N, C-alpha and C. Protein backbone atom coordinates (compact mmCIF):
# COMPACT_ATOMS: atom_id res chain seq x y z
N MET A 1 8.83 121.51 127.09
CA MET A 1 9.77 120.68 127.87
C MET A 1 10.81 121.59 128.51
N PRO A 2 11.01 121.47 129.85
CA PRO A 2 11.96 122.38 130.51
C PRO A 2 13.38 122.14 130.05
N ARG A 3 14.15 123.19 130.04
CA ARG A 3 15.55 123.09 129.65
C ARG A 3 16.34 122.35 130.73
N LYS A 4 17.27 121.51 130.32
CA LYS A 4 18.09 120.78 131.28
C LYS A 4 18.96 121.76 132.06
N PRO A 5 19.05 121.56 133.38
CA PRO A 5 19.89 122.45 134.20
C PRO A 5 21.36 122.33 133.81
N ASP A 6 22.08 123.38 134.05
CA ASP A 6 23.51 123.40 133.78
C ASP A 6 24.22 122.45 134.74
N PRO A 7 24.90 121.39 134.23
CA PRO A 7 25.56 120.43 135.13
C PRO A 7 26.68 121.03 135.95
N THR A 8 27.23 122.16 135.50
CA THR A 8 28.32 122.79 136.25
C THR A 8 27.82 123.43 137.53
N LEU A 9 26.49 123.58 137.67
CA LEU A 9 25.93 124.18 138.87
C LEU A 9 25.81 123.19 140.02
N LYS A 10 25.98 121.89 139.75
CA LYS A 10 25.79 120.87 140.78
C LYS A 10 26.68 121.10 142.00
N PRO A 11 27.99 121.33 141.85
CA PRO A 11 28.82 121.59 143.03
C PRO A 11 28.39 122.83 143.80
N ALA A 12 27.95 123.85 143.07
CA ALA A 12 27.51 125.08 143.73
C ALA A 12 26.26 124.82 144.57
N ILE A 13 25.37 123.97 144.05
CA ILE A 13 24.16 123.62 144.79
C ILE A 13 24.54 122.92 146.10
N VAL A 14 25.47 121.97 146.01
CA VAL A 14 25.90 121.23 147.20
C VAL A 14 26.50 122.18 148.23
N CYS A 15 27.34 123.09 147.80
CA CYS A 15 27.98 124.03 148.73
C CYS A 15 26.96 124.94 149.40
N LYS A 16 26.00 125.43 148.64
CA LYS A 16 25.02 126.35 149.21
C LYS A 16 24.09 125.62 150.19
N VAL A 17 23.70 124.41 149.84
CA VAL A 17 22.84 123.64 150.73
C VAL A 17 23.61 123.23 151.99
N THR A 18 24.89 122.98 151.86
CA THR A 18 25.72 122.66 153.02
C THR A 18 25.63 123.79 154.05
N GLU A 19 25.79 125.01 153.62
CA GLU A 19 25.72 126.14 154.53
C GLU A 19 24.34 126.26 155.16
N HIS A 20 23.31 125.98 154.37
CA HIS A 20 21.94 126.05 154.87
C HIS A 20 21.70 125.02 155.97
N LEU A 21 22.28 123.83 155.83
CA LEU A 21 22.02 122.74 156.77
C LEU A 21 22.75 122.91 158.10
N ARG A 22 23.70 123.82 158.17
CA ARG A 22 24.45 123.99 159.42
C ARG A 22 23.56 124.40 160.58
N ASP A 23 22.50 125.14 160.29
CA ASP A 23 21.61 125.57 161.37
C ASP A 23 20.15 125.28 161.03
N THR A 24 19.93 124.19 160.26
CA THR A 24 18.57 123.82 159.88
C THR A 24 18.32 122.35 160.21
N ARG A 25 17.20 122.07 160.84
CA ARG A 25 16.85 120.68 161.13
C ARG A 25 16.50 119.96 159.83
N LEU A 26 16.91 118.71 159.72
CA LEU A 26 16.63 117.96 158.50
C LEU A 26 15.14 117.78 158.28
N GLU A 27 14.38 117.68 159.36
CA GLU A 27 12.94 117.50 159.23
C GLU A 27 12.26 118.74 158.63
N ASP A 28 12.96 119.88 158.68
CA ASP A 28 12.41 121.11 158.11
C ASP A 28 12.82 121.31 156.66
N VAL A 29 13.57 120.36 156.12
CA VAL A 29 14.11 120.50 154.77
C VAL A 29 13.27 119.69 153.79
N SER A 30 12.89 120.31 152.70
CA SER A 30 12.18 119.63 151.61
C SER A 30 12.78 120.10 150.29
N VAL A 31 12.42 119.42 149.23
CA VAL A 31 12.89 119.85 147.91
C VAL A 31 12.43 121.27 147.63
N ARG A 32 11.21 121.58 148.01
CA ARG A 32 10.67 122.91 147.74
C ARG A 32 11.39 123.98 148.56
N SER A 33 11.65 123.67 149.85
CA SER A 33 12.33 124.67 150.68
C SER A 33 13.77 124.87 150.22
N LEU A 34 14.41 123.80 149.75
CA LEU A 34 15.75 123.95 149.22
C LEU A 34 15.76 124.76 147.94
N GLY A 35 14.70 124.61 147.15
CA GLY A 35 14.59 125.42 145.96
C GLY A 35 14.53 126.90 146.30
N ARG A 36 13.82 127.21 147.39
CA ARG A 36 13.76 128.61 147.81
C ARG A 36 15.13 129.10 148.27
N VAL A 37 15.87 128.24 148.97
CA VAL A 37 17.22 128.61 149.40
C VAL A 37 18.10 128.90 148.19
N LEU A 38 17.94 128.11 147.15
CA LEU A 38 18.76 128.27 145.95
C LEU A 38 18.23 129.34 145.01
N GLY A 39 17.03 129.83 145.29
CA GLY A 39 16.43 130.84 144.42
C GLY A 39 16.00 130.26 143.09
N THR A 40 15.53 129.02 143.11
CA THR A 40 15.13 128.36 141.88
C THR A 40 13.95 127.46 142.16
N SER A 41 13.49 126.75 141.17
CA SER A 41 12.42 125.77 141.37
C SER A 41 13.02 124.48 141.91
N ALA A 42 12.16 123.50 142.16
CA ALA A 42 12.64 122.20 142.64
C ALA A 42 13.26 121.37 141.52
N TYR A 43 13.04 121.79 140.28
CA TYR A 43 13.47 120.96 139.15
C TYR A 43 14.97 120.67 139.12
N PRO A 44 15.86 121.67 139.32
CA PRO A 44 17.30 121.35 139.29
C PRO A 44 17.70 120.35 140.37
N ILE A 45 17.05 120.41 141.53
CA ILE A 45 17.38 119.47 142.61
C ILE A 45 16.99 118.06 142.22
N VAL A 46 15.78 117.90 141.71
CA VAL A 46 15.32 116.57 141.29
C VAL A 46 16.16 116.06 140.12
N TYR A 47 16.50 116.94 139.21
CA TYR A 47 17.28 116.53 138.04
C TYR A 47 18.67 116.03 138.43
N HIS A 48 19.34 116.77 139.30
CA HIS A 48 20.73 116.43 139.66
C HIS A 48 20.82 115.36 140.74
N PHE A 49 19.86 115.35 141.69
CA PHE A 49 20.02 114.50 142.87
C PHE A 49 18.88 113.51 143.08
N GLY A 50 17.80 113.66 142.38
CA GLY A 50 16.69 112.71 142.47
C GLY A 50 15.70 113.01 143.57
N SER A 51 16.19 113.45 144.73
CA SER A 51 15.31 113.68 145.86
C SER A 51 16.03 114.54 146.90
N ARG A 52 15.30 114.90 147.94
CA ARG A 52 15.93 115.64 149.04
C ARG A 52 17.06 114.82 149.67
N ASP A 53 16.78 113.54 149.95
CA ASP A 53 17.79 112.70 150.59
C ASP A 53 19.00 112.51 149.68
N GLY A 54 18.77 112.46 148.37
CA GLY A 54 19.90 112.36 147.44
C GLY A 54 20.80 113.58 147.52
N LEU A 55 20.20 114.75 147.67
CA LEU A 55 20.99 115.97 147.81
C LEU A 55 21.72 116.00 149.14
N VAL A 56 21.04 115.60 150.22
CA VAL A 56 21.69 115.60 151.53
C VAL A 56 22.83 114.58 151.55
N ASP A 57 22.63 113.44 150.90
CA ASP A 57 23.72 112.46 150.78
C ASP A 57 24.91 113.07 150.05
N ALA A 58 24.63 113.86 149.02
CA ALA A 58 25.71 114.52 148.29
C ALA A 58 26.45 115.52 149.18
N VAL A 59 25.71 116.16 150.08
CA VAL A 59 26.34 117.07 151.04
C VAL A 59 27.26 116.29 151.98
N VAL A 60 26.78 115.14 152.47
CA VAL A 60 27.60 114.31 153.37
C VAL A 60 28.87 113.86 152.64
N GLU A 61 28.74 113.44 151.38
CA GLU A 61 29.91 113.03 150.60
C GLU A 61 30.89 114.19 150.47
N HIS A 62 30.36 115.36 150.22
CA HIS A 62 31.19 116.56 150.08
C HIS A 62 31.94 116.85 151.38
N LEU A 63 31.24 116.78 152.50
CA LEU A 63 31.84 117.09 153.78
C LEU A 63 32.85 116.02 154.22
N SER A 64 32.62 114.79 153.81
CA SER A 64 33.45 113.66 154.24
C SER A 64 34.59 113.36 153.28
N HIS A 65 34.83 114.23 152.34
CA HIS A 65 35.83 113.95 151.31
C HIS A 65 37.19 113.55 151.87
N PRO A 66 37.70 114.20 152.93
CA PRO A 66 39.01 113.77 153.47
C PRO A 66 39.02 112.32 153.95
N VAL A 67 37.88 111.84 154.43
CA VAL A 67 37.79 110.47 154.94
C VAL A 67 37.92 109.46 153.81
N HIS A 68 37.55 109.86 152.60
CA HIS A 68 37.55 108.93 151.48
C HIS A 68 38.94 108.37 151.19
N ARG A 69 39.96 109.11 151.57
CA ARG A 69 41.33 108.67 151.28
C ARG A 69 41.92 107.83 152.40
N VAL A 70 41.18 107.66 153.48
CA VAL A 70 41.70 106.93 154.64
C VAL A 70 41.61 105.43 154.41
N ARG A 71 42.71 104.74 154.65
CA ARG A 71 42.75 103.29 154.55
C ARG A 71 43.43 102.74 155.80
N LEU A 72 43.04 101.54 156.18
CA LEU A 72 43.67 100.87 157.31
C LEU A 72 44.46 99.68 156.78
N ASP A 73 45.76 99.70 157.01
CA ASP A 73 46.61 98.58 156.63
C ASP A 73 46.32 97.43 157.60
N PRO A 74 45.84 96.29 157.11
CA PRO A 74 45.54 95.17 158.02
C PRO A 74 46.72 94.76 158.88
N ASP A 75 47.93 95.00 158.41
CA ASP A 75 49.12 94.62 159.17
C ASP A 75 49.61 95.74 160.08
N GLY A 76 48.91 96.87 160.11
CA GLY A 76 49.32 97.98 160.95
C GLY A 76 49.18 97.65 162.43
N ASP A 77 49.87 98.42 163.27
CA ASP A 77 49.83 98.17 164.71
C ASP A 77 48.67 98.92 165.37
N GLN A 78 48.66 98.91 166.69
CA GLN A 78 47.58 99.57 167.43
C GLN A 78 47.51 101.07 167.13
N HIS A 79 48.67 101.69 166.94
CA HIS A 79 48.68 103.13 166.65
C HIS A 79 48.06 103.41 165.29
N ALA A 80 48.31 102.52 164.33
CA ALA A 80 47.67 102.67 163.01
C ALA A 80 46.16 102.50 163.13
N LEU A 81 45.73 101.55 163.95
CA LEU A 81 44.30 101.33 164.17
C LEU A 81 43.66 102.55 164.80
N ALA A 82 44.31 103.10 165.83
CA ALA A 82 43.77 104.29 166.48
C ALA A 82 43.71 105.47 165.51
N GLY A 83 44.73 105.62 164.68
CA GLY A 83 44.73 106.70 163.70
C GLY A 83 43.59 106.57 162.71
N TYR A 84 43.32 105.33 162.30
CA TYR A 84 42.21 105.09 161.37
C TYR A 84 40.87 105.46 162.01
N LEU A 85 40.65 105.00 163.23
CA LEU A 85 39.38 105.29 163.90
C LEU A 85 39.19 106.78 164.12
N ARG A 86 40.26 107.48 164.48
CA ARG A 86 40.16 108.92 164.70
C ARG A 86 39.92 109.65 163.37
N ALA A 87 40.52 109.14 162.29
CA ALA A 87 40.33 109.78 160.99
C ALA A 87 38.91 109.59 160.48
N VAL A 88 38.32 108.42 160.74
CA VAL A 88 36.99 108.11 160.21
C VAL A 88 35.88 108.66 161.12
N PHE A 89 36.05 108.52 162.41
CA PHE A 89 34.98 108.88 163.35
C PHE A 89 35.25 110.15 164.14
N GLY A 90 36.48 110.63 164.13
CA GLY A 90 36.83 111.78 164.95
C GLY A 90 36.91 113.08 164.15
N GLY A 91 37.75 113.99 164.65
CA GLY A 91 37.90 115.28 163.98
C GLY A 91 36.66 116.15 164.03
N LEU A 92 35.82 115.93 165.05
CA LEU A 92 34.54 116.64 165.10
C LEU A 92 34.67 118.09 165.54
N ASP A 93 35.89 118.52 165.86
CA ASP A 93 36.09 119.94 166.10
C ASP A 93 36.06 120.73 164.79
N ASP A 94 36.15 120.01 163.67
CA ASP A 94 35.99 120.61 162.35
C ASP A 94 34.49 120.71 162.08
N PRO A 95 33.96 121.91 161.83
CA PRO A 95 32.51 122.06 161.61
C PRO A 95 31.97 121.19 160.49
N ASP A 96 32.77 120.96 159.45
CA ASP A 96 32.32 120.12 158.35
C ASP A 96 32.15 118.67 158.80
N ARG A 97 33.13 118.17 159.56
CA ARG A 97 33.05 116.79 160.04
C ARG A 97 31.89 116.63 161.01
N PHE A 98 31.68 117.64 161.85
CA PHE A 98 30.57 117.58 162.81
C PHE A 98 29.23 117.53 162.08
N LEU A 99 29.09 118.37 161.06
CA LEU A 99 27.85 118.37 160.29
C LEU A 99 27.65 117.04 159.57
N ALA A 100 28.71 116.48 159.02
CA ALA A 100 28.62 115.20 158.33
C ALA A 100 28.14 114.11 159.29
N ALA A 101 28.66 114.12 160.52
CA ALA A 101 28.24 113.12 161.50
C ALA A 101 26.77 113.30 161.85
N ARG A 102 26.36 114.54 162.05
CA ARG A 102 24.96 114.80 162.40
C ARG A 102 24.02 114.35 161.30
N LEU A 103 24.35 114.69 160.07
CA LEU A 103 23.48 114.32 158.94
C LEU A 103 23.47 112.81 158.72
N THR A 104 24.61 112.16 158.95
CA THR A 104 24.67 110.71 158.79
C THR A 104 23.72 110.03 159.76
N PHE A 105 23.68 110.51 161.00
CA PHE A 105 22.77 109.93 161.97
C PHE A 105 21.32 110.23 161.61
N GLU A 106 21.05 111.45 161.17
CA GLU A 106 19.68 111.81 160.83
C GLU A 106 19.16 110.99 159.64
N LEU A 107 19.99 110.80 158.64
CA LEU A 107 19.58 110.03 157.47
C LEU A 107 19.56 108.54 157.77
N GLY A 108 20.62 108.05 158.43
CA GLY A 108 20.71 106.62 158.68
C GLY A 108 19.63 106.09 159.59
N SER A 109 19.16 106.91 160.52
CA SER A 109 18.18 106.43 161.50
C SER A 109 16.83 106.11 160.87
N VAL A 110 16.54 106.70 159.72
CA VAL A 110 15.25 106.45 159.06
C VAL A 110 15.42 105.78 157.71
N GLU A 111 16.65 105.39 157.38
CA GLU A 111 16.91 104.84 156.05
C GLU A 111 16.09 103.59 155.76
N SER A 112 15.94 102.72 156.75
CA SER A 112 15.21 101.47 156.52
C SER A 112 13.75 101.72 156.17
N LEU A 113 13.24 102.88 156.53
CA LEU A 113 11.85 103.22 156.21
C LEU A 113 11.68 103.69 154.78
N THR A 114 12.79 104.01 154.13
CA THR A 114 12.72 104.56 152.77
C THR A 114 13.06 103.54 151.69
N GLY A 115 13.45 102.34 152.10
CA GLY A 115 13.81 101.33 151.12
C GLY A 115 15.22 101.44 150.59
N HIS A 116 16.04 102.31 151.20
CA HIS A 116 17.43 102.46 150.79
C HIS A 116 18.35 101.81 151.81
N ASP A 117 19.60 101.57 151.42
CA ASP A 117 20.53 100.93 152.36
C ASP A 117 21.94 101.50 152.23
N ARG A 118 22.08 102.70 151.73
CA ARG A 118 23.41 103.27 151.52
C ARG A 118 24.20 103.36 152.81
N HIS A 119 23.60 103.92 153.84
CA HIS A 119 24.31 104.11 155.10
C HIS A 119 24.54 102.77 155.81
N LEU A 120 23.62 101.84 155.64
CA LEU A 120 23.81 100.51 156.20
C LEU A 120 25.01 99.82 155.55
N ARG A 121 25.14 99.95 154.25
CA ARG A 121 26.27 99.32 153.56
C ARG A 121 27.60 99.97 153.95
N LEU A 122 27.58 101.27 154.15
CA LEU A 122 28.79 101.94 154.62
C LEU A 122 29.16 101.45 156.01
N HIS A 123 28.16 101.32 156.87
CA HIS A 123 28.39 100.80 158.22
C HIS A 123 29.01 99.41 158.16
N ARG A 124 28.48 98.57 157.32
CA ARG A 124 29.01 97.21 157.19
C ARG A 124 30.42 97.20 156.63
N SER A 125 30.70 98.11 155.71
CA SER A 125 32.06 98.16 155.15
C SER A 125 33.08 98.55 156.20
N LEU A 126 32.69 99.41 157.14
CA LEU A 126 33.59 99.78 158.23
C LEU A 126 33.85 98.59 159.14
N ILE A 127 32.81 97.81 159.40
CA ILE A 127 32.99 96.60 160.20
C ILE A 127 33.95 95.64 159.50
N GLU A 128 33.77 95.48 158.20
CA GLU A 128 34.64 94.56 157.46
C GLU A 128 36.08 95.05 157.43
N THR A 129 36.29 96.35 157.37
CA THR A 129 37.66 96.89 157.40
C THR A 129 38.35 96.51 158.72
N LEU A 130 37.64 96.69 159.83
CA LEU A 130 38.23 96.33 161.13
C LEU A 130 38.38 94.82 161.25
N ALA A 131 37.42 94.07 160.71
CA ALA A 131 37.52 92.61 160.77
C ALA A 131 38.75 92.11 160.03
N ALA A 132 39.08 92.75 158.91
CA ALA A 132 40.28 92.37 158.16
C ALA A 132 41.53 92.61 159.00
N TRP A 133 41.53 93.70 159.74
CA TRP A 133 42.66 93.99 160.64
C TRP A 133 42.76 92.91 161.72
N CYS A 134 41.62 92.54 162.30
CA CYS A 134 41.62 91.52 163.35
C CYS A 134 42.11 90.18 162.81
N ARG A 135 41.67 89.80 161.62
CA ARG A 135 42.11 88.53 161.04
C ARG A 135 43.62 88.54 160.81
N ALA A 136 44.12 89.67 160.32
CA ALA A 136 45.55 89.76 160.05
C ALA A 136 46.38 89.65 161.32
N HIS A 137 45.75 89.93 162.48
CA HIS A 137 46.46 89.86 163.75
C HIS A 137 46.11 88.58 164.52
N GLY A 138 45.55 87.60 163.81
CA GLY A 138 45.41 86.27 164.39
C GLY A 138 44.03 85.89 164.86
N ALA A 139 43.02 86.74 164.70
CA ALA A 139 41.67 86.39 165.15
C ALA A 139 41.00 85.47 164.14
N ASP A 140 40.20 84.53 164.63
CA ASP A 140 39.39 83.73 163.71
C ASP A 140 38.26 84.61 163.18
N ASP A 141 37.58 84.14 162.16
CA ASP A 141 36.61 84.97 161.46
C ASP A 141 35.46 85.41 162.36
N CYS A 142 34.96 84.49 163.18
CA CYS A 142 33.83 84.82 164.05
C CYS A 142 34.21 85.91 165.05
N THR A 143 35.36 85.74 165.67
CA THR A 143 35.82 86.73 166.64
C THR A 143 36.07 88.07 165.97
N ALA A 144 36.66 88.04 164.77
CA ALA A 144 36.97 89.28 164.05
C ALA A 144 35.70 90.07 163.79
N VAL A 145 34.66 89.40 163.32
CA VAL A 145 33.40 90.09 163.02
C VAL A 145 32.74 90.61 164.29
N ARG A 146 32.68 89.76 165.32
CA ARG A 146 32.03 90.17 166.56
C ARG A 146 32.74 91.37 167.19
N ALA A 147 34.06 91.28 167.30
CA ALA A 147 34.82 92.36 167.93
C ALA A 147 34.77 93.63 167.11
N SER A 148 34.78 93.50 165.81
CA SER A 148 34.76 94.68 164.94
C SER A 148 33.41 95.37 164.97
N ARG A 149 32.36 94.58 165.02
CA ARG A 149 31.02 95.17 165.13
C ARG A 149 30.90 95.98 166.42
N ALA A 150 31.37 95.41 167.51
CA ALA A 150 31.32 96.11 168.80
C ALA A 150 32.15 97.39 168.76
N ALA A 151 33.31 97.33 168.11
CA ALA A 151 34.18 98.51 168.04
C ALA A 151 33.54 99.62 167.22
N VAL A 152 32.96 99.28 166.07
CA VAL A 152 32.31 100.29 165.24
C VAL A 152 31.13 100.92 165.97
N LEU A 153 30.35 100.10 166.67
CA LEU A 153 29.22 100.65 167.42
C LEU A 153 29.70 101.57 168.54
N ALA A 154 30.81 101.22 169.19
CA ALA A 154 31.36 102.09 170.22
C ALA A 154 31.81 103.43 169.63
N CYS A 155 32.43 103.38 168.45
CA CYS A 155 32.86 104.61 167.78
C CYS A 155 31.67 105.47 167.39
N ARG A 156 30.63 104.84 166.88
CA ARG A 156 29.43 105.59 166.50
C ARG A 156 28.76 106.18 167.75
N GLY A 157 28.80 105.45 168.85
CA GLY A 157 28.25 105.98 170.09
C GLY A 157 28.99 107.22 170.54
N ALA A 158 30.32 107.20 170.38
CA ALA A 158 31.11 108.39 170.74
C ALA A 158 30.74 109.57 169.85
N GLN A 159 30.57 109.31 168.56
CA GLN A 159 30.14 110.36 167.63
C GLN A 159 28.79 110.94 168.05
N TRP A 160 27.85 110.05 168.32
CA TRP A 160 26.50 110.49 168.67
C TRP A 160 26.51 111.31 169.96
N GLY A 161 27.34 110.87 170.93
CA GLY A 161 27.46 111.63 172.17
C GLY A 161 27.97 113.04 171.91
N ALA A 162 28.93 113.17 170.98
CA ALA A 162 29.46 114.50 170.67
C ALA A 162 28.41 115.36 169.99
N VAL A 163 27.60 114.75 169.12
CA VAL A 163 26.53 115.50 168.46
C VAL A 163 25.52 115.98 169.50
N LEU A 164 25.26 115.15 170.51
CA LEU A 164 24.28 115.52 171.54
C LEU A 164 24.79 116.59 172.48
N ASP A 165 26.02 116.39 173.01
CA ASP A 165 26.47 117.30 174.06
C ASP A 165 27.59 118.24 173.64
N GLY A 166 28.10 118.06 172.41
CA GLY A 166 29.12 118.97 171.90
C GLY A 166 30.52 118.74 172.43
N ASP A 167 30.72 117.68 173.23
CA ASP A 167 32.04 117.41 173.80
C ASP A 167 32.87 116.62 172.79
N VAL A 168 33.41 117.32 171.80
CA VAL A 168 34.14 116.65 170.73
C VAL A 168 35.51 116.16 171.19
N ALA A 169 36.09 116.79 172.20
CA ALA A 169 37.40 116.37 172.69
C ALA A 169 37.32 114.98 173.31
N HIS A 170 36.24 114.71 174.02
CA HIS A 170 36.08 113.40 174.66
C HIS A 170 35.98 112.29 173.62
N THR A 171 35.45 112.62 172.46
CA THR A 171 35.34 111.62 171.39
C THR A 171 36.71 111.06 171.03
N GLU A 172 37.71 111.91 170.95
CA GLU A 172 39.06 111.45 170.60
C GLU A 172 39.59 110.49 171.66
N VAL A 173 39.30 110.77 172.92
CA VAL A 173 39.73 109.89 174.01
C VAL A 173 39.07 108.52 173.87
N VAL A 174 37.78 108.53 173.59
CA VAL A 174 37.03 107.28 173.45
C VAL A 174 37.56 106.47 172.28
N LEU A 175 37.84 107.11 171.17
CA LEU A 175 38.31 106.39 169.98
C LEU A 175 39.66 105.73 170.23
N ARG A 176 40.55 106.43 170.93
CA ARG A 176 41.83 105.81 171.28
C ARG A 176 41.61 104.61 172.20
N GLY A 177 40.64 104.72 173.10
CA GLY A 177 40.32 103.61 173.99
C GLY A 177 39.75 102.42 173.24
N VAL A 178 38.91 102.68 172.25
CA VAL A 178 38.36 101.58 171.44
C VAL A 178 39.48 100.83 170.74
N ALA A 179 40.42 101.56 170.18
CA ALA A 179 41.56 100.92 169.50
C ALA A 179 42.38 100.10 170.48
N ARG A 180 42.61 100.65 171.65
CA ARG A 180 43.41 99.95 172.65
C ARG A 180 42.73 98.66 173.10
N ARG A 181 41.43 98.73 173.34
CA ARG A 181 40.71 97.54 173.80
C ARG A 181 40.61 96.48 172.72
N LEU A 182 40.38 96.91 171.48
CA LEU A 182 40.28 95.95 170.39
C LEU A 182 41.62 95.25 170.18
N ALA A 183 42.70 96.01 170.19
CA ALA A 183 44.02 95.42 170.01
C ALA A 183 44.35 94.46 171.14
N ALA A 184 43.98 94.83 172.38
CA ALA A 184 44.26 93.96 173.52
C ALA A 184 43.44 92.68 173.45
N GLU A 185 42.19 92.80 173.02
CA GLU A 185 41.35 91.61 172.90
C GLU A 185 41.91 90.63 171.88
N ILE A 186 42.30 91.14 170.72
CA ILE A 186 42.83 90.27 169.66
C ILE A 186 44.18 89.69 170.07
N ALA A 187 45.00 90.49 170.73
CA ALA A 187 46.30 89.98 171.20
C ALA A 187 46.10 88.88 172.23
N GLY A 188 45.10 89.04 173.10
CA GLY A 188 44.82 88.03 174.10
C GLY A 188 44.36 86.73 173.49
N ILE A 189 43.52 86.84 172.46
CA ILE A 189 43.04 85.65 171.76
C ILE A 189 44.20 84.94 171.08
N ARG A 190 45.06 85.71 170.45
CA ARG A 190 46.20 85.12 169.75
C ARG A 190 47.11 84.39 170.73
N ALA A 191 47.27 84.95 171.91
CA ALA A 191 48.14 84.32 172.91
C ALA A 191 47.55 83.00 173.41
N ARG A 192 46.22 82.89 173.39
CA ARG A 192 45.57 81.67 173.89
C ARG A 192 45.32 80.64 172.80
N THR A 193 45.54 81.03 171.51
CA THR A 193 45.22 80.14 170.40
C THR A 193 46.33 79.10 170.22
N PRO A 194 45.98 77.81 170.03
CA PRO A 194 46.99 76.79 169.78
C PRO A 194 47.74 77.06 168.48
N HIS A 195 48.78 76.28 168.25
CA HIS A 195 49.50 76.39 166.99
C HIS A 195 48.51 76.33 165.84
N ARG A 196 48.76 77.14 164.81
CA ARG A 196 47.78 77.31 163.73
C ARG A 196 47.37 75.99 163.09
N SER A 197 48.31 75.08 162.86
CA SER A 197 47.96 73.83 162.20
C SER A 197 46.99 73.03 163.05
N THR A 198 47.18 73.05 164.40
CA THR A 198 46.28 72.35 165.30
C THR A 198 44.90 72.99 165.29
N ALA A 199 44.87 74.32 165.31
CA ALA A 199 43.59 75.04 165.30
C ALA A 199 42.82 74.75 164.03
N LEU A 200 43.51 74.74 162.90
CA LEU A 200 42.83 74.49 161.64
C LEU A 200 42.33 73.06 161.57
N ALA A 201 43.10 72.11 162.11
CA ALA A 201 42.65 70.72 162.11
C ALA A 201 41.40 70.56 162.96
N ASP A 202 41.39 71.20 164.13
CA ASP A 202 40.20 71.15 164.98
C ASP A 202 39.00 71.78 164.28
N ALA A 203 39.26 72.88 163.56
CA ALA A 203 38.16 73.56 162.85
C ALA A 203 37.60 72.66 161.77
N GLN A 204 38.46 71.97 161.05
CA GLN A 204 37.99 71.08 159.99
C GLN A 204 37.17 69.94 160.58
N ASP A 205 37.60 69.42 161.74
CA ASP A 205 36.85 68.35 162.38
C ASP A 205 35.47 68.83 162.79
N ALA A 206 35.41 70.08 163.26
CA ALA A 206 34.13 70.62 163.73
C ALA A 206 33.27 71.12 162.58
N GLY A 207 33.89 71.38 161.44
CA GLY A 207 33.12 71.84 160.29
C GLY A 207 32.79 73.30 160.30
N THR A 208 33.45 74.08 161.17
CA THR A 208 33.21 75.53 161.23
C THR A 208 34.55 76.22 161.32
N PRO A 209 34.60 77.54 161.00
CA PRO A 209 35.84 78.29 161.12
C PRO A 209 36.40 78.21 162.53
N HIS A 210 37.59 77.63 162.70
CA HIS A 210 38.24 77.49 164.01
C HIS A 210 37.32 76.82 165.01
N GLY A 211 36.45 75.92 164.53
CA GLY A 211 35.63 75.12 165.42
C GLY A 211 34.46 75.85 166.02
N ARG A 212 34.13 77.04 165.53
CA ARG A 212 33.05 77.82 166.13
C ARG A 212 31.99 78.11 165.09
N ALA A 213 30.74 77.99 165.54
CA ALA A 213 29.65 78.38 164.65
C ALA A 213 29.65 79.89 164.53
N CYS A 214 29.45 80.36 163.32
CA CYS A 214 29.51 81.81 163.14
C CYS A 214 28.55 82.22 162.04
N ASP A 215 27.65 83.12 162.36
CA ASP A 215 26.75 83.67 161.36
C ASP A 215 27.08 85.14 161.20
N ASP A 216 27.92 85.45 160.23
CA ASP A 216 28.30 86.85 160.02
C ASP A 216 27.70 87.38 158.73
N SER A 217 26.59 86.78 158.30
CA SER A 217 25.98 87.21 157.05
C SER A 217 25.53 88.66 157.11
N ALA A 218 25.31 89.16 158.33
CA ALA A 218 24.84 90.54 158.46
C ALA A 218 25.87 91.55 158.00
N VAL A 219 27.13 91.16 157.99
CA VAL A 219 28.16 92.11 157.57
C VAL A 219 28.91 91.63 156.36
N ARG A 220 28.61 90.45 155.84
CA ARG A 220 29.37 89.93 154.72
C ARG A 220 28.85 90.50 153.40
N VAL A 221 29.22 91.73 153.13
CA VAL A 221 28.83 92.37 151.88
C VAL A 221 30.04 92.62 151.01
N GLY A 222 31.21 92.22 151.47
CA GLY A 222 32.44 92.48 150.72
C GLY A 222 33.02 93.81 151.13
N PRO A 223 34.33 93.94 151.05
CA PRO A 223 34.96 95.20 151.45
C PRO A 223 34.60 96.33 150.50
N VAL A 224 34.09 97.40 151.04
CA VAL A 224 33.75 98.57 150.26
C VAL A 224 34.56 99.73 150.78
N PRO A 225 35.58 100.19 150.05
CA PRO A 225 36.38 101.32 150.54
C PRO A 225 35.51 102.50 150.87
N VAL A 226 35.92 103.24 151.89
CA VAL A 226 35.13 104.38 152.33
C VAL A 226 34.88 105.36 151.20
N GLY A 227 35.83 105.50 150.30
CA GLY A 227 35.69 106.48 149.23
C GLY A 227 34.89 106.03 148.05
N ARG A 228 34.48 104.75 148.04
CA ARG A 228 33.76 104.24 146.89
C ARG A 228 32.30 104.62 146.95
N SER A 229 31.73 104.91 145.81
CA SER A 229 30.32 105.29 145.76
C SER A 229 29.45 104.14 146.21
N LEU A 230 28.44 104.43 147.02
CA LEU A 230 27.54 103.41 147.52
C LEU A 230 26.15 103.57 146.94
N ASP A 231 26.03 104.44 145.95
CA ASP A 231 24.71 104.66 145.35
C ASP A 231 24.39 103.55 144.37
């Protein structure tokens, strides 16, 4: 029976594989090839991480550590919203953040084929975070979910564009624009909404939130803080 690997080596494995992935395509990475990079067999990788994707996920977690502490106060203003979006989706001039974005897209794009949903749940938690901000600023639930989904997709599009063309500075401009448009949309809705008691009465008569049919089951997974484990 093989000896159990030293658990203290796990962080060292993550750091070494991180450096390897900076100039390596994910499709060229396997448990066996990573074992060669580490100068060991595949056994420590399987023991500590379960699979290649488990190890790459650990690398993404390692690279995204600063993001784990980021929170959005639902009562914050547009500047707080912009700061949150830039903290979560921006900062791509940092090589670690850039690599984390690239790996997230590479893993997330094929995740549904593997039977896992870690990146999908993280995506949904980001939508729910923005939806909570929208609700706190007067949006009904349907509008909050719809607008937040569009905002998160716009932010991810900016990230993907930076990964493709390397224009990381433009990403920051786009993220500020997403915050500005989302805040303006919610403010406009609030300005057009009747007095709350009237709106709620109409909603009760219609039998739906604020009188509108809304199917947000696709994102209703509960708030999951960015820093919380999704495994």
